[in-house]
Amino acid sequence: MAIIITDECINCGACEPECPNNAIYEGGAEWKFSEGTSLKGLFEGKNSGLTVDADAEQEPVDMDVYYIVPDKCTECKGFHDEPQCAAVCPVDCCVDDEANIETEEELLLKKDSLHID
């Protein structure tokens, strides 16, 4: 499953540089599928089913605290043994997203779809 950042976030930003998929953004920041990935052209999000231009700016998921884009979060599968955001979070606010449950196989397929060779 994807990871979410709860309202307990203190906006320290420790998690953002740790994400291998560039799926973490500061509250209120617009984001793109192409950022931190090799995506170009149209892309269909695995969680949302949304089909958009990978370079199109998307609305922030949260306006107040750092947030994780579920369509880009792979729980660091294929990169690390554990989610790096949770490993560095000083207040333990990076937790499993019960609304986006995925198997390890699905997470690895998502990772491969974001990082095309």
Protein backbone atom coordinates (compact mmCIF):
# COMPACT_ATOMS: atom_id res chain seq x y z
CA MET A 1 0.00 0.00 0.00
CA ALA A 2 1.07 3.59 -0.40
CA ILE A 3 2.22 5.67 2.55
CA ILE A 4 0.45 8.81 3.78
CA ILE A 5 1.61 11.66 5.96
CA THR A 6 -0.76 12.39 8.83
CA ASP A 7 -1.79 15.75 10.27
CA GLU A 8 0.79 15.23 13.02
CA CYS A 9 3.45 16.27 10.46
CA ILE A 10 5.65 19.09 11.80
CA ASN A 11 6.72 20.13 8.27
CA CYS A 12 10.39 19.38 8.96
CA GLY A 13 10.94 18.17 5.37
CA ALA A 14 13.18 15.24 6.36
CA CYS A 15 11.13 12.85 4.22
CA GLU A 16 11.13 14.74 0.93
CA PRO A 17 14.74 14.15 -0.22
CA GLU A 18 14.58 10.47 0.80
CA CYS A 19 11.87 9.47 -1.70
CA PRO A 20 13.30 7.68 -4.76
CA ASN A 21 10.13 8.45 -6.75
CA ASN A 22 9.88 12.13 -5.82
CA ALA A 23 6.40 11.38 -4.49
CA ILE A 24 6.64 13.71 -1.48
CA TYR A 25 5.81 17.41 -1.73
CA GLU A 26 5.51 20.34 0.63
CA GLY A 27 1.95 21.29 1.55
CA GLY A 28 0.36 23.54 -1.08
CA ALA A 29 2.94 22.66 -3.75
CA GLU A 30 1.78 21.58 -7.20
CA TRP A 31 3.40 18.42 -8.53
CA LYS A 32 4.05 16.52 -11.77
CA PHE A 33 4.26 12.82 -12.56
CA SER A 34 7.46 13.52 -14.51
CA GLU A 35 9.33 14.93 -11.49
CA GLY A 36 11.86 12.37 -10.28
CA THR A 37 10.74 9.78 -12.84
CA SER A 38 11.44 9.04 -16.50
CA LEU A 39 7.82 9.65 -17.55
CA LYS A 40 6.97 11.54 -20.71
CA GLY A 41 3.68 12.03 -22.55
CA LEU A 42 0.44 10.56 -21.24
CA PHE A 43 0.55 8.56 -18.04
CA GLU A 44 -2.21 6.65 -16.25
CA GLY A 45 -1.96 6.66 -12.47
CA LYS A 46 -2.17 3.21 -10.94
CA ASN A 47 -4.12 4.38 -7.86
CA SER A 48 -6.34 7.11 -9.29
CA GLY A 49 -6.83 5.85 -12.85
CA LEU A 50 -6.21 9.46 -13.87
CA THR A 51 -4.69 9.83 -17.35
CA VAL A 52 -2.70 13.04 -17.73
CA ASP A 53 0.31 14.56 -19.43
CA ALA A 54 3.26 13.60 -17.21
CA ASP A 55 4.50 17.23 -17.35
CA ALA A 56 1.15 18.78 -16.40
CA GLU A 57 1.00 20.42 -12.99
CA GLN A 58 -1.37 18.68 -10.58
CA GLU A 59 -3.26 20.14 -7.64
CA PRO A 60 -1.69 19.71 -4.20
CA VAL A 61 -2.93 16.69 -2.25
CA ASP A 62 -2.70 18.70 0.99
CA MET A 63 -2.42 22.42 1.57
CA ASP A 64 -0.99 22.39 5.10
CA VAL A 65 1.51 19.58 5.58
CA TYR A 66 3.87 17.56 3.42
CA TYR A 67 2.02 14.95 1.40
CA ILE A 68 2.68 11.81 -0.63
CA VAL A 69 1.19 11.29 -4.10
CA PRO A 70 -0.27 7.75 -3.98
CA ASP A 71 0.24 7.26 -7.74
CA LYS A 72 3.99 7.78 -7.26
CA CYS A 73 4.51 6.00 -3.92
CA THR A 74 5.94 2.48 -4.14
CA GLU A 75 6.90 2.16 -0.45
CA CYS A 76 10.48 2.30 -1.80
CA LYS A 77 10.05 -1.24 -3.22
CA GLY A 78 12.84 -1.92 -5.70
CA PHE A 79 15.03 0.73 -4.05
CA HIS A 80 15.17 0.06 -0.29
CA ASP A 81 14.05 -2.55 2.26
CA GLU A 82 11.66 -0.14 4.00
CA PRO A 83 9.90 3.15 3.24
CA GLN A 84 12.57 5.80 3.70
CA CYS A 85 10.10 8.53 4.64
CA ALA A 86 8.96 6.53 7.65
CA ALA A 87 12.55 5.68 8.58
CA VAL A 88 13.59 9.35 8.85
CA CYS A 89 10.35 10.88 10.20
CA PRO A 90 10.98 12.27 13.70
CA VAL A 91 7.28 12.14 14.68
CA ASP A 92 6.24 8.87 13.01
CA CYS A 93 3.60 10.48 10.82
CA CYS A 94 4.45 8.48 7.67
CA VAL A 95 2.07 5.53 7.93
CA ASP A 96 0.35 2.95 5.73
CA ASP A 97 -2.46 4.36 3.59
CA GLU A 98 -5.37 2.00 4.21
CA ALA A 99 -7.20 3.55 1.23
CA ASN A 100 -4.48 2.41 -1.18
CA ILE A 101 -3.69 -1.23 -0.44
CA GLU A 102 -1.27 -2.82 -2.90
CA THR A 103 0.72 -6.03 -3.02
CA GLU A 104 4.50 -6.06 -3.31
CA GLU A 105 4.08 -7.20 -6.93
CA GLU A 106 1.78 -4.24 -7.68
CA LEU A 107 4.23 -1.82 -6.03
CA LEU A 108 7.11 -3.19 -8.11
CA LEU A 109 5.04 -2.89 -11.29
CA LYS A 110 4.22 0.71 -10.35
CA LYS A 111 7.93 1.38 -9.76
CA ASP A 112 8.73 -0.04 -13.20
CA SER A 113 6.04 2.13 -14.81
CA LEU A 114 7.56 5.27 -13.24
CA HIS A 115 11.17 4.47 -14.13
CA ILE A 116 11.18 3.31 -17.74
CA ASP A 117 14.61 2.28 -19.01
